[in-house]
Amino acid sequence: MFKNKKVMVAGGTGMIGRELVKLLVSEGALVRTASLDNIPLDSIHGANSGKEFFKVDLTLLENCRLVCRDMDYIFNLLGVKGSVRIKDQAVNLISPMLQFDTNLLRAVREAGIDGYLLTSSYGVYYPAEILKEEDVWNTPAPFNDRFAGMAKRIAELELEAHRIQCGWKNTTIVRPSSVYGPFDNFDSTNAMVIPSLIKRAIAGENPLIVYGDGSQTRDFIHARDAAKGMLIAAKNSAPCINLGSGRGVNIKELAIIIINNLASKPEIEFDSSSPSGDQKRVLDISKASALGFKPKISLEQGIRETMEWYIANRDKTGNRYDVFSN
């Protein structure tokens, strides 16, 4: 499907974006990426990818028009990731997401591009035992993740509006679970649970503080598996699918997996006074599975790989653009 096609990956220097670019290049696509990261080109693109990288702010319409010019397909991987502890930066969470999703869609429409994938989030879901695609619009808005979650709900509605009014058919929405892996955000104040625990564990924190009581359950997926799922979704023009492991792991189990990769093993101390988000988030991935999606990287393998990458690259993690400090 993507051989010799001109494909733009918005957010292509990020954790999932890098993996997606590799897959697209391996299929013979000519890839363009756009982001605000300070990332060397040769670490993003393969030999025949076109080596196009635009360091631009995609909250601005003119920049969206620039990067969409002459493209055949757009992957929108843009998003603002931040833990539930960033409660006082709601504007930094919601405003950029509303701007770049709306402006990118407008640029795609104006350019007459036929294919588009929107990366949503499982933050759009109201808490439930198992999160199914069709439940989003039958439930109230999420509370703990309401700013980012509502921004993604609006982005999904905007794409649906284009399907209705403009007759778009070659479009898809993916809702990944908690994605982790190399090139994640390891910032001390706003990192998600896996990079936060990894950074503090490797730094020698003892006891290792775990926010909440450890019983909170999450669905984790490695960035490489998420990228493969996106490619499957795009090829099938899947209207909307979840991408996750389909199984829950509680945060205490996660902390133990991380500690098991350390030579010196700290004690674990739970901080129940800190915000920890919803009690349970696990995705139903049956629709994705029906299309051939099957996560292959176990949490143990993925955590080990991520920790090894962080140890070798911790001095470079500050090259990622951080909306909370900019």
C-alpha atoms as a PDB file:
ATOM      1  CA  MET A   1       0.000   0.000   0.000  1.00  0.00           C
ATOM      2  CA  PHE A   2       2.771   2.468   0.888  1.00  0.00           C
ATOM      3  CA  LYS A   3       5.434   1.486  -1.650  1.00  0.00           C
ATOM      4  CA  ASN A   4       6.603   4.639  -3.481  1.00  0.00           C
ATOM      5  CA  LYS A   5       3.959   6.678  -1.645  1.00  0.00           C
ATOM      6  CA  LYS A   6       4.798  10.030  -0.079  1.00  0.00           C
ATOM      7  CA  VAL A   7       3.920   9.723   3.594  1.00  0.00           C
ATOM      8  CA  MET A   8       4.107  12.421   6.264  1.00  0.00           C
ATOM      9  CA  VAL A   9       4.378  11.373   9.905  1.00  0.00           C
ATOM     10  CA  ALA A  10       3.482  14.243  12.224  1.00  0.00           C
ATOM     11  CA  GLY A  11       5.342  13.521  15.441  1.00  0.00           C
ATOM     12  CA  GLY A  12       7.651  11.158  13.565  1.00  0.00           C
ATOM     13  CA  THR A  13      10.620  11.744  15.881  1.00  0.00           C
ATOM     14  CA  GLY A  14       8.731  10.512  18.929  1.00  0.00           C
ATOM     15  CA  MET A  15       8.684   7.155  20.642  1.00  0.00           C
ATOM     16  CA  ILE A  16       6.076   5.556  18.329  1.00  0.00           C
ATOM     17  CA  GLY A  17       6.914   7.754  15.352  1.00  0.00           C
ATOM     18  CA  ARG A  18      10.458   6.434  15.042  1.00  0.00           C
ATOM     19  CA  GLU A  19       9.206   2.858  14.930  1.00  0.00           C
ATOM     20  CA  LEU A  20       6.502   3.737  12.400  1.00  0.00           C
ATOM     21  CA  VAL A  21       9.006   5.530  10.154  1.00  0.00           C
ATOM     22  CA  LYS A  22      11.226   2.420  10.135  1.00  0.00           C
ATOM     23  CA  LEU A  23       8.276   0.253   9.082  1.00  0.00           C
ATOM     24  CA  LEU A  24       7.207   2.663   6.352  1.00  0.00           C
ATOM     25  CA  VAL A  25      10.734   2.920   4.979  1.00  0.00           C
ATOM     26  CA  SER A  26      11.004  -0.884   4.928  1.00  0.00           C
ATOM     27  CA  GLU A  27       7.883  -0.921   2.734  1.00  0.00           C
ATOM     28  CA  GLY A  28       9.401   1.523   0.269  1.00  0.00           C
ATOM     29  CA  ALA A  29       7.564   4.670   1.357  1.00  0.00           C
ATOM     30  CA  LEU A  30       9.097   8.144   0.945  1.00  0.00           C
ATOM     31  CA  VAL A  31       8.781   9.521   4.424  1.00  0.00           C
ATOM     32  CA  ARG A  32       8.605  13.095   5.662  1.00  0.00           C
ATOM     33  CA  THR A  33       8.524  13.830   9.393  1.00  0.00           C
ATOM     34  CA  ALA A  34       7.600  16.937  11.330  1.00  0.00           C
ATOM     35  CA  SER A  35       8.058  17.800  14.994  1.00  0.00           C
ATOM     36  CA  LEU A  36       9.737  20.225  17.370  1.00  0.00           C
ATOM     37  CA  ASP A  37      12.372  17.780  18.636  1.00  0.00           C
ATOM     38  CA  ASN A  38      16.119  18.395  18.330  1.00  0.00           C
ATOM     39  CA  ILE A  39      16.811  15.016  16.724  1.00  0.00           C
ATOM     40  CA  PRO A  40      19.553  14.195  14.149  1.00  0.00           C
ATOM     41  CA  LEU A  41      18.093  13.209  10.778  1.00  0.00           C
ATOM     42  CA  ASP A  42      20.157  10.057  10.409  1.00  0.00           C
ATOM     43  CA  SER A  43      18.647   8.672  13.601  1.00  0.00           C
ATOM     44  CA  ILE A  44      15.136   8.954  12.162  1.00  0.00           C
ATOM     45  CA  HIS A  45      15.238   8.067   8.479  1.00  0.00           C
ATOM     46  CA  GLY A  46      16.372   5.074   6.525  1.00  0.00           C
ATOM     47  CA  ALA A  47      18.541   5.256   3.439  1.00  0.00           C
ATOM     48  CA  ASN A  48      15.708   5.646   0.919  1.00  0.00           C
ATOM     49  CA  SER A  49      13.195   7.616   2.945  1.00  0.00           C
ATOM     50  CA  GLY A  50      13.649  10.988   1.314  1.00  0.00           C
ATOM     51  CA  LYS A  51      15.400  12.277   4.430  1.00  0.00           C
ATOM     52  CA  GLU A  52      12.892  15.077   4.864  1.00  0.00           C
ATOM     53  CA  PHE A  53      12.525  16.504   8.344  1.00  0.00           C
ATOM     54  CA  PHE A  54      10.662  19.705   9.170  1.00  0.00           C
ATOM     55  CA  LYS A  55      11.248  21.205  12.593  1.00  0.00           C
ATOM     56  CA  VAL A  56       8.020  23.172  12.755  1.00  0.00           C
ATOM     57  CA  ASP A  57       5.230  24.046  15.163  1.00  0.00           C
ATOM     58  CA  LEU A  58       2.122  22.257  13.883  1.00  0.00           C
ATOM     59  CA  THR A  59      -0.248  24.311  16.013  1.00  0.00           C
ATOM     60  CA  LEU A  60       0.144  26.838  13.160  1.00  0.00           C
ATOM     61  CA  LEU A  61      -1.947  26.298  10.032  1.00  0.00           C
ATOM     62  CA  GLU A  62       0.725  27.526   7.594  1.00  0.00           C
ATOM     63  CA  ASN A  63       3.166  24.907   8.922  1.00  0.00           C
ATOM     64  CA  CYS A  64       0.565  22.162   8.539  1.00  0.00           C
ATOM     65  CA  ARG A  65       0.039  23.250   4.932  1.00  0.00           C
ATOM     66  CA  LEU A  66       3.803  23.173   4.363  1.00  0.00           C
ATOM     67  CA  VAL A  67       4.356  19.612   5.604  1.00  0.00           C
ATOM     68  CA  CYS A  68       1.222  18.229   3.884  1.00  0.00           C
ATOM     69  CA  ARG A  69       2.171  19.565   0.471  1.00  0.00           C
ATOM     70  CA  ASP A  70       2.452  16.816  -2.197  1.00  0.00           C
ATOM     71  CA  MET A  71       1.786  13.999   0.296  1.00  0.00           C
ATOM     72  CA  ASP A  72      -0.309  10.864  -0.311  1.00  0.00           C
ATOM     73  CA  TYR A  73      -0.979   9.843   3.297  1.00  0.00           C
ATOM     74  CA  ILE A  74      -0.777  11.533   6.704  1.00  0.00           C
ATOM     75  CA  PHE A  75      -0.128   9.820  10.035  1.00  0.00           C
ATOM     76  CA  ASN A  76      -1.065  12.146  12.892  1.00  0.00           C
ATOM     77  CA  LEU A  77       0.878  10.937  15.945  1.00  0.00           C
ATOM     78  CA  LEU A  78       0.780  14.313  17.676  1.00  0.00           C
ATOM     79  CA  GLY A  79      -0.159  14.449  21.316  1.00  0.00           C
ATOM     80  CA  VAL A  80       0.735  15.909  24.684  1.00  0.00           C
ATOM     81  CA  LYS A  81       1.771  13.300  27.249  1.00  0.00           C
ATOM     82  CA  GLY A  82       1.750  14.154  30.910  1.00  0.00           C
ATOM     83  CA  SER A  83       1.076  12.299  34.130  1.00  0.00           C
ATOM     84  CA  VAL A  84      -1.958  13.027  36.318  1.00  0.00           C
ATOM     85  CA  ARG A  85       0.397  15.006  38.571  1.00  0.00           C
ATOM     86  CA  ILE A  86       0.471  17.860  36.011  1.00  0.00           C
ATOM     87  CA  LYS A  87      -2.845  19.186  37.293  1.00  0.00           C
ATOM     88  CA  ASP A  88      -1.838  22.847  37.174  1.00  0.00           C
ATOM     89  CA  GLN A  89      -0.896  22.826  33.455  1.00  0.00           C
ATOM     90  CA  ALA A  90      -4.293  22.146  31.911  1.00  0.00           C
ATOM     91  CA  VAL A  91      -3.847  24.837  29.232  1.00  0.00           C
ATOM     92  CA  ASN A  92      -0.561  23.247  28.108  1.00  0.00           C
ATOM     93  CA  LEU A  93      -2.374  19.925  27.817  1.00  0.00           C
ATOM     94  CA  ILE A  94      -5.512  20.862  25.917  1.00  0.00           C
ATOM     95  CA  SER A  95      -4.720  23.933  23.795  1.00  0.00           C
ATOM     96  CA  PRO A  96      -1.926  22.546  21.565  1.00  0.00           C
ATOM     97  CA  MET A  97      -3.898  19.351  20.939  1.00  0.00           C
ATOM     98  CA  LEU A  98      -6.987  21.234  19.783  1.00  0.00           C
ATOM     99  CA  GLN A  99      -4.870  23.467  17.557  1.00  0.00           C
ATOM    100  CA  PHE A 100      -2.689  20.917  15.788  1.00  0.00           C
ATOM    101  CA  ASP A 101      -5.474  18.376  15.261  1.00  0.00           C
ATOM    102  CA  THR A 102      -7.801  20.988  13.730  1.00  0.00           C
ATOM    103  CA  ASN A 103      -5.125  22.670  11.606  1.00  0.00           C
ATOM    104  CA  LEU A 104      -3.672  19.411  10.333  1.00  0.00           C
ATOM    105  CA  LEU A 105      -7.121  18.206   9.243  1.00  0.00           C
ATOM    106  CA  ARG A 106      -7.732  21.481   7.431  1.00  0.00           C
ATOM    107  CA  ALA A 107      -4.380  21.216   5.628  1.00  0.00           C
ATOM    108  CA  VAL A 108      -5.167  17.626   4.604  1.00  0.00           C
ATOM    109  CA  ARG A 109      -8.562  18.708   3.275  1.00  0.00           C
ATOM    110  CA  GLU A 110      -7.129  21.634   1.337  1.00  0.00           C
ATOM    111  CA  ALA A 111      -4.383  19.464  -0.159  1.00  0.00           C
ATOM    112  CA  GLY A 112      -6.871  16.812  -1.283  1.00  0.00           C
ATOM    113  CA  ILE A 113      -4.962  14.025   0.491  1.00  0.00           C
ATOM    114  CA  ASP A 114      -6.765  10.689   0.381  1.00  0.00           C
ATOM    115  CA  GLY A 115      -5.435   8.930   3.504  1.00  0.00           C
ATOM    116  CA  TYR A 116      -5.306   9.948   7.172  1.00  0.00           C
ATOM    117  CA  LEU A 117      -4.692   8.199  10.498  1.00  0.00           C
ATOM    118  CA  LEU A 118      -5.507   9.904  13.788  1.00  0.00           C
ATOM    119  CA  THR A 119      -3.769   8.722  16.936  1.00  0.00           C
ATOM    120  CA  SER A 120      -6.263   9.112  19.744  1.00  0.00           C
ATOM    121  CA  SER A 121      -5.806   7.687  23.246  1.00  0.00           C
ATOM    122  CA  TYR A 122      -7.417   5.409  25.767  1.00  0.00           C
ATOM    123  CA  GLY A 123      -7.762   8.575  27.795  1.00  0.00           C
ATOM    124  CA  VAL A 124     -11.024   9.131  25.874  1.00  0.00           C
ATOM    125  CA  TYR A 125     -12.702   6.354  27.880  1.00  0.00           C
ATOM    126  CA  TYR A 126     -14.812   6.694  30.983  1.00  0.00           C
ATOM    127  CA  PRO A 127     -13.612   4.106  33.563  1.00  0.00           C
ATOM    128  CA  ALA A 128     -14.929   0.583  33.010  1.00  0.00           C
ATOM    129  CA  GLU A 129     -13.758  -3.007  33.557  1.00  0.00           C
ATOM    130  CA  ILE A 130     -12.871  -3.430  29.870  1.00  0.00           C
ATOM    131  CA  LEU A 131     -12.685  -0.525  27.422  1.00  0.00           C
ATOM    132  CA  LYS A 132     -14.469  -1.194  24.112  1.00  0.00           C
ATOM    133  CA  GLU A 133     -14.398   1.103  21.078  1.00  0.00           C
ATOM    134  CA  GLU A 134     -18.143   1.624  20.859  1.00  0.00           C
ATOM    135  CA  ASP A 135     -18.477   2.636  24.518  1.00  0.00           C
ATOM    136  CA  VAL A 136     -16.889   6.092  24.212  1.00  0.00           C
ATOM    137  CA  TRP A 137     -19.975   7.895  22.941  1.00  0.00           C
ATOM    138  CA  ASN A 138     -22.318   6.052  25.322  1.00  0.00           C
ATOM    139  CA  THR A 139     -20.520   7.177  28.477  1.00  0.00           C
ATOM    140  CA  PRO A 140     -19.717  10.463  30.242  1.00  0.00           C
ATOM    141  CA  ALA A 141     -16.450  12.260  29.619  1.00  0.00           C
ATOM    142  CA  PRO A 142     -13.411  10.923  31.512  1.00  0.00           C
ATOM    143  CA  PHE A 143     -12.592  12.816  34.697  1.00  0.00           C
ATOM    144  CA  ASN A 144      -8.980  12.150  35.753  1.00  0.00           C
ATOM    145  CA  ASP A 145      -7.709  12.591  32.191  1.00  0.00           C
ATOM    146  CA  ARG A 146     -10.419  14.998  31.094  1.00  0.00           C
ATOM    147  CA  PHE A 147      -8.319  17.684  29.373  1.00  0.00           C
ATOM    148  CA  ALA A 148      -6.249  15.406  27.146  1.00  0.00           C
ATOM    149  CA  GLY A 149      -9.116  12.931  26.892  1.00  0.00           C
ATOM    150  CA  MET A 150     -11.638  15.518  25.743  1.00  0.00           C
ATOM    151  CA  ALA A 151      -9.161  17.007  23.264  1.00  0.00           C
ATOM    152  CA  LYS A 152      -8.850  13.580  21.657  1.00  0.00           C
ATOM    153  CA  ARG A 153     -12.630  13.084  21.703  1.00  0.00           C
ATOM    154  CA  ILE A 154     -12.978  16.361  19.812  1.00  0.00           C
ATOM    155  CA  ALA A 155     -10.285  15.286  17.323  1.00  0.00           C
ATOM    156  CA  GLU A 156     -12.218  12.077  16.695  1.00  0.00           C
ATOM    157  CA  LEU A 157     -15.421  14.050  16.140  1.00  0.00           C
ATOM    158  CA  GLU A 158     -13.661  16.368  13.700  1.00  0.00           C
ATOM    159  CA  LEU A 159     -12.489  13.403  11.663  1.00  0.00           C
ATOM    160  CA  GLU A 160     -15.991  11.926  11.723  1.00  0.00           C
ATOM    161  CA  ALA A 161     -17.353  15.261  10.479  1.00  0.00           C
ATOM    162  CA  HIS A 162     -14.965  15.073   7.509  1.00  0.00           C
ATOM    163  CA  ARG A 163     -16.092  11.536   6.789  1.00  0.00           C
ATOM    164  CA  ILE A 164     -19.699  12.738   6.681  1.00  0.00           C
ATOM    165  CA  GLN A 165     -19.327  16.042   4.835  1.00  0.00           C
ATOM    166  CA  CYS A 166     -16.319  15.334   2.612  1.00  0.00           C
ATOM    167  CA  GLY A 167     -16.921  11.654   1.960  1.00  0.00           C
ATOM    168  CA  TRP A 168     -13.551  10.582   3.352  1.00  0.00           C
ATOM    169  CA  LYS A 169     -13.207   6.787   3.405  1.00  0.00           C
ATOM    170  CA  ASN A 170      -9.478   6.072   3.684  1.00  0.00           C
ATOM    171  CA  THR A 171      -9.233   7.210   7.292  1.00  0.00           C
ATOM    172  CA  THR A 172      -8.762   5.489  10.628  1.00  0.00           C
ATOM    173  CA  ILE A 173      -8.573   6.176  14.351  1.00  0.00           C
ATOM    174  CA  VAL A 174      -6.346   4.222  16.724  1.00  0.00           C
ATOM    175  CA  ARG A 175      -6.612   4.384  20.506  1.00  0.00           C
ATOM    176  CA  PRO A 176      -3.350   3.125  22.042  1.00  0.00           C
ATOM    177  CA  SER A 177      -3.068   2.114  25.679  1.00  0.00           C
ATOM    178  CA  SER A 178      -0.077   3.153  27.832  1.00  0.00           C
ATOM    179  CA  VAL A 179       2.759   3.152  25.301  1.00  0.00           C
ATOM    180  CA  TYR A 180       6.369   2.860  26.492  1.00  0.00           C
ATOM    181  CA  GLY A 181       9.806   2.183  25.066  1.00  0.00           C
ATOM    182  CA  PRO A 182      13.088   3.856  24.061  1.00  0.00           C
ATOM    183  CA  PHE A 183      12.845   7.620  23.391  1.00  0.00           C
ATOM    184  CA  ASP A 184      10.035   7.979  25.932  1.00  0.00           C
ATOM    185  CA  ASN A 185       9.650  11.158  28.008  1.00  0.00           C
ATOM    186  CA  PHE A 186      11.822  10.722  31.109  1.00  0.00           C
ATOM    187  CA  ASP A 187      11.236  14.204  32.543  1.00  0.00           C
ATOM    188  CA  SER A 188      11.269  14.146  36.340  1.00  0.00           C
ATOM    189  CA  THR A 189       8.062  16.144  36.775  1.00  0.00           C
ATOM    190  CA  ASN A 190       5.723  15.004  33.996  1.00  0.00           C
ATOM    191  CA  ALA A 191       6.837  11.524  32.867  1.00  0.00           C
ATOM    192  CA  MET A 192       4.320   8.691  32.753  1.00  0.00           C
ATOM    193  CA  VAL A 193       4.609   5.787  35.191  1.00  0.00           C
ATOM    194  CA  ILE A 194       7.106   3.527  33.354  1.00  0.00           C
ATOM    195  CA  PRO A 195       9.757   6.143  32.446  1.00  0.00           C
ATOM    196  CA  SER A 196       9.286   7.811  35.832  1.00  0.00           C
ATOM    197  CA  LEU A 197       9.950   4.585  37.751  1.00  0.00           C
ATOM    198  CA  ILE A 198      12.823   3.603  35.447  1.00  0.00           C
ATOM    199  CA  LYS A 199      14.576   6.941  35.829  1.00  0.00           C
ATOM    200  CA  ARG A 200      14.280   6.989  39.603  1.00  0.00           C
ATOM    201  CA  ALA A 201      15.168   3.310  40.009  1.00  0.00           C
ATOM    202  CA  ILE A 202      18.333   3.648  37.900  1.00  0.00           C
ATOM    203  CA  ALA A 203      19.256   6.818  39.807  1.00  0.00           C
ATOM    204  CA  GLY A 204      19.301   4.695  42.973  1.00  0.00           C
ATOM    205  CA  GLU A 205      16.149   5.927  44.712  1.00  0.00           C
ATOM    206  CA  ASN A 206      15.660   3.784  47.812  1.00  0.00           C
ATOM    207  CA  PRO A 207      12.977   3.258  48.817  1.00  0.00           C
ATOM    208  CA  LEU A 208      11.494   3.502  45.312  1.00  0.00           C
ATOM    209  CA  ILE A 209       8.364   5.652  45.682  1.00  0.00           C
ATOM    210  CA  VAL A 210       5.307   4.364  43.808  1.00  0.00           C
ATOM    211  CA  TYR A 211       2.429   6.816  43.501  1.00  0.00           C
ATOM    212  CA  GLY A 212      -0.849   5.316  44.737  1.00  0.00           C
ATOM    213  CA  ASP A 213      -1.215   2.023  46.557  1.00  0.00           C
ATOM    214  CA  GLY A 214       0.113  -0.136  43.719  1.00  0.00           C
ATOM    215  CA  SER A 215      -3.224  -1.741  42.890  1.00  0.00           C
ATOM    216  CA  GLN A 216      -4.011   0.497  39.898  1.00  0.00           C
ATOM    217  CA  THR A 217      -4.154  -1.608  36.729  1.00  0.00           C
ATOM    218  CA  ARG A 218      -2.919  -0.504  33.313  1.00  0.00           C
ATOM    219  CA  ASP A 219      -2.636  -1.950  29.821  1.00  0.00           C
ATOM    220  CA  PHE A 220       0.928  -1.438  28.539  1.00  0.00           C
ATOM    221  CA  ILE A 221       2.117  -1.731  24.930  1.00  0.00           C
ATOM    222  CA  HIS A 222       5.631  -1.324  23.542  1.00  0.00           C
ATOM    223  CA  ALA A 223       6.067   1.436  20.941  1.00  0.00           C
ATOM    224  CA  ARG A 224       7.179  -1.076  18.306  1.00  0.00           C
ATOM    225  CA  ASP A 225       3.974  -3.085  18.680  1.00  0.00           C
ATOM    226  CA  ALA A 226       1.904   0.121  18.638  1.00  0.00           C
ATOM    227  CA  ALA A 227       3.551   1.198  15.365  1.00  0.00           C
ATOM    228  CA  LYS A 228       2.825  -2.178  13.771  1.00  0.00           C
ATOM    229  CA  GLY A 229      -0.787  -1.844  14.862  1.00  0.00           C
ATOM    230  CA  MET A 230      -1.030   1.608  13.281  1.00  0.00           C
ATOM    231  CA  LEU A 231       0.235   0.272   9.967  1.00  0.00           C
ATOM    232  CA  ILE A 232      -2.328  -2.544  10.060  1.00  0.00           C
ATOM    233  CA  ALA A 233      -5.100  -0.070  10.876  1.00  0.00           C
ATOM    234  CA  ALA A 234      -4.075   2.253   8.026  1.00  0.00           C
ATOM    235  CA  LYS A 235      -3.925  -0.563   5.482  1.00  0.00           C
ATOM    236  CA  ASN A 236      -7.428  -1.685   6.464  1.00  0.00           C
ATOM    237  CA  SER A 237      -8.930   1.823   6.836  1.00  0.00           C
ATOM    238  CA  ALA A 238     -10.255   0.598  10.179  1.00  0.00           C
ATOM    239  CA  PRO A 239     -12.793   3.176  11.399  1.00  0.00           C
ATOM    240  CA  CYS A 240     -11.581   2.941  15.012  1.00  0.00           C
ATOM    241  CA  ILE A 241      -9.555   0.296  16.864  1.00  0.00           C
ATOM    242  CA  ASN A 242      -7.889  -0.116  20.238  1.00  0.00           C
ATOM    243  CA  LEU A 243      -4.176  -0.933  20.318  1.00  0.00           C
ATOM    244  CA  GLY A 244      -2.930  -2.496  23.523  1.00  0.00           C
ATOM    245  CA  SER A 245      -1.849  -5.750  25.106  1.00  0.00           C
ATOM    246  CA  GLY A 246      -5.394  -6.605  26.124  1.00  0.00           C
ATOM    247  CA  ARG A 247      -4.284  -7.492  29.641  1.00  0.00           C
ATOM    248  CA  GLY A 248      -3.923  -5.566  32.851  1.00  0.00           C
ATOM    249  CA  VAL A 249      -0.807  -5.233  34.996  1.00  0.00           C
ATOM    250  CA  ASN A 250      -0.963  -3.527  38.362  1.00  0.00           C
ATOM    251  CA  ILE A 251       1.600  -0.898  39.238  1.00  0.00           C
ATOM    252  CA  LYS A 252       3.125  -2.982  42.026  1.00  0.00           C
ATOM    253  CA  GLU A 253       3.861  -5.766  39.493  1.00  0.00           C
ATOM    254  CA  LEU A 254       5.362  -3.173  37.158  1.00  0.00           C
ATOM    255  CA  ALA A 255       7.665  -1.832  39.882  1.00  0.00           C
ATOM    256  CA  ILE A 256       8.859  -5.367  40.665  1.00  0.00           C
ATOM    257  CA  ILE A 257       9.666  -6.015  36.974  1.00  0.00           C
ATOM    258  CA  ILE A 258      11.769  -2.852  36.915  1.00  0.00           C
ATOM    259  CA  ILE A 259      13.546  -3.710  40.175  1.00  0.00           C
ATOM    260  CA  ASN A 260      14.348  -7.209  38.903  1.00  0.00           C
ATOM    261  CA  ASN A 261      16.538  -5.596  36.228  1.00  0.00           C
ATOM    262  CA  LEU A 262      18.692  -3.821  38.825  1.00  0.00           C
ATOM    263  CA  ALA A 263      21.817  -5.193  40.466  1.00  0.00           C
ATOM    264  CA  SER A 264      20.994  -3.385  43.699  1.00  0.00           C
ATOM    265  CA  LYS A 265      17.306  -3.823  44.495  1.00  0.00           C
ATOM    266  CA  PRO A 266      15.561  -1.043  46.472  1.00  0.00           C
ATOM    267  CA  GLU A 267      12.570  -1.409  48.734  1.00  0.00           C
ATOM    268  CA  ILE A 268       9.181  -0.230  47.417  1.00  0.00           C
ATOM    269  CA  GLU A 269       7.206   2.417  49.271  1.00  0.00           C
ATOM    270  CA  PHE A 270       3.669   3.347  48.218  1.00  0.00           C
ATOM    271  CA  ASP A 271       2.510   6.963  48.412  1.00  0.00           C
ATOM    272  CA  SER A 272      -1.278   6.775  48.592  1.00  0.00           C
ATOM    273  CA  SER A 273      -1.539  10.553  48.996  1.00  0.00           C
ATOM    274  CA  SER A 274      -0.331  11.182  45.423  1.00  0.00           C
ATOM    275  CA  PRO A 275      -2.746  11.182  42.454  1.00  0.00           C
ATOM    276  CA  SER A 276      -2.741   7.879  40.584  1.00  0.00           C
ATOM    277  CA  GLY A 277      -5.535   8.183  38.005  1.00  0.00           C
ATOM    278  CA  ASP A 278      -8.280   5.680  37.266  1.00  0.00           C
ATOM    279  CA  GLN A 279      -8.235   2.381  39.139  1.00  0.00           C
ATOM    280  CA  LYS A 280      -8.305   0.270  35.976  1.00  0.00           C
ATOM    281  CA  ARG A 281      -7.655   0.792  32.243  1.00  0.00           C
ATOM    282  CA  VAL A 282      -7.545  -2.318  30.070  1.00  0.00           C
ATOM    283  CA  LEU A 283      -8.437  -2.362  26.378  1.00  0.00           C
ATOM    284  CA  ASP A 284     -10.546  -4.822  24.440  1.00  0.00           C
ATOM    285  CA  ILE A 285      -8.341  -5.490  21.381  1.00  0.00           C
ATOM    286  CA  SER A 286     -10.613  -7.988  19.621  1.00  0.00           C
ATOM    287  CA  LYS A 287     -11.229  -5.668  16.634  1.00  0.00           C
ATOM    288  CA  ALA A 288      -7.516  -5.130  16.094  1.00  0.00           C
ATOM    289  CA  SER A 289      -6.867  -8.854  16.541  1.00  0.00           C
ATOM    290  CA  ALA A 290      -9.406  -9.618  13.815  1.00  0.00           C
ATOM    291  CA  LEU A 291      -7.237  -7.551  11.440  1.00  0.00           C
ATOM    292  CA  GLY A 292      -4.129  -9.542  12.336  1.00  0.00           C
ATOM    293  CA  PHE A 293      -2.739  -7.396  15.152  1.00  0.00           C
ATOM    294  CA  LYS A 294      -0.877  -9.336  17.838  1.00  0.00           C
ATOM    295  CA  PRO A 295       1.496  -7.667  20.321  1.00  0.00           C
ATOM    296  CA  LYS A 296       4.774  -9.594  20.407  1.00  0.00           C
ATOM    297  CA  ILE A 297       6.904  -7.810  22.998  1.00  0.00           C
ATOM    298  CA  SER A 298       6.288  -8.949  26.568  1.00  0.00           C
ATOM    299  CA  LEU A 299       6.335  -6.354  29.326  1.00  0.00           C
ATOM    300  CA  GLU A 300       9.423  -8.003  30.830  1.00  0.00           C
ATOM    301  CA  GLN A 301      11.311  -7.846  27.520  1.00  0.00           C
ATOM    302  CA  GLY A 302      10.133  -4.320  26.768  1.00  0.00           C
ATOM    303  CA  ILE A 303      11.075  -2.990  30.212  1.00  0.00           C
ATOM    304  CA  ARG A 304      14.538  -4.567  29.974  1.00  0.00           C
ATOM    305  CA  GLU A 305      15.094  -3.034  26.521  1.00  0.00           C
ATOM    306  CA  THR A 306      13.864   0.388  27.681  1.00  0.00           C
ATOM    307  CA  MET A 307      16.087   0.360  30.756  1.00  0.00           C
ATOM    308  CA  GLU A 308      19.134  -0.606  28.670  1.00  0.00           C
ATOM    309  CA  TRP A 309      18.357   2.193  26.218  1.00  0.00           C
ATOM    310  CA  TYR A 310      17.919   4.741  29.015  1.00  0.00           C
ATOM    311  CA  ILE A 311      21.226   3.802  30.661  1.00  0.00           C
ATOM    312  CA  ALA A 312      23.025   4.285  27.331  1.00  0.00           C
ATOM    313  CA  ASN A 313      21.179   7.484  26.352  1.00  0.00           C
ATOM    314  CA  ARG A 314      20.116   9.276  29.518  1.00  0.00           C
ATOM    315  CA  ASP A 315      22.216  12.324  28.604  1.00  0.00           C
ATOM    316  CA  LYS A 316      20.221  12.736  25.352  1.00  0.00           C
ATOM    317  CA  THR A 317      16.678  12.482  26.695  1.00  0.00           C
ATOM    318  CA  GLY A 318      16.456  16.274  27.015  1.00  0.00           C
ATOM    319  CA  ASN A 319      16.416  16.640  23.208  1.00  0.00           C
ATOM    320  CA  ARG A 320      12.691  15.943  23.104  1.00  0.00           C
ATOM    321  CA  TYR A 321      10.433  19.004  22.931  1.00  0.00           C
ATOM    322  CA  ASP A 322       8.655  19.511  26.257  1.00  0.00           C
ATOM    323  CA  VAL A 323       5.423  21.487  26.066  1.00  0.00           C
ATOM    324  CA  PHE A 324       5.391  21.896  29.853  1.00  0.00           C
ATOM    325  CA  SER A 325       8.691  23.792  29.944  1.00  0.00           C
ATOM    326  CA  ASN A 326       8.292  25.684  26.650  1.00  0.00           C
END
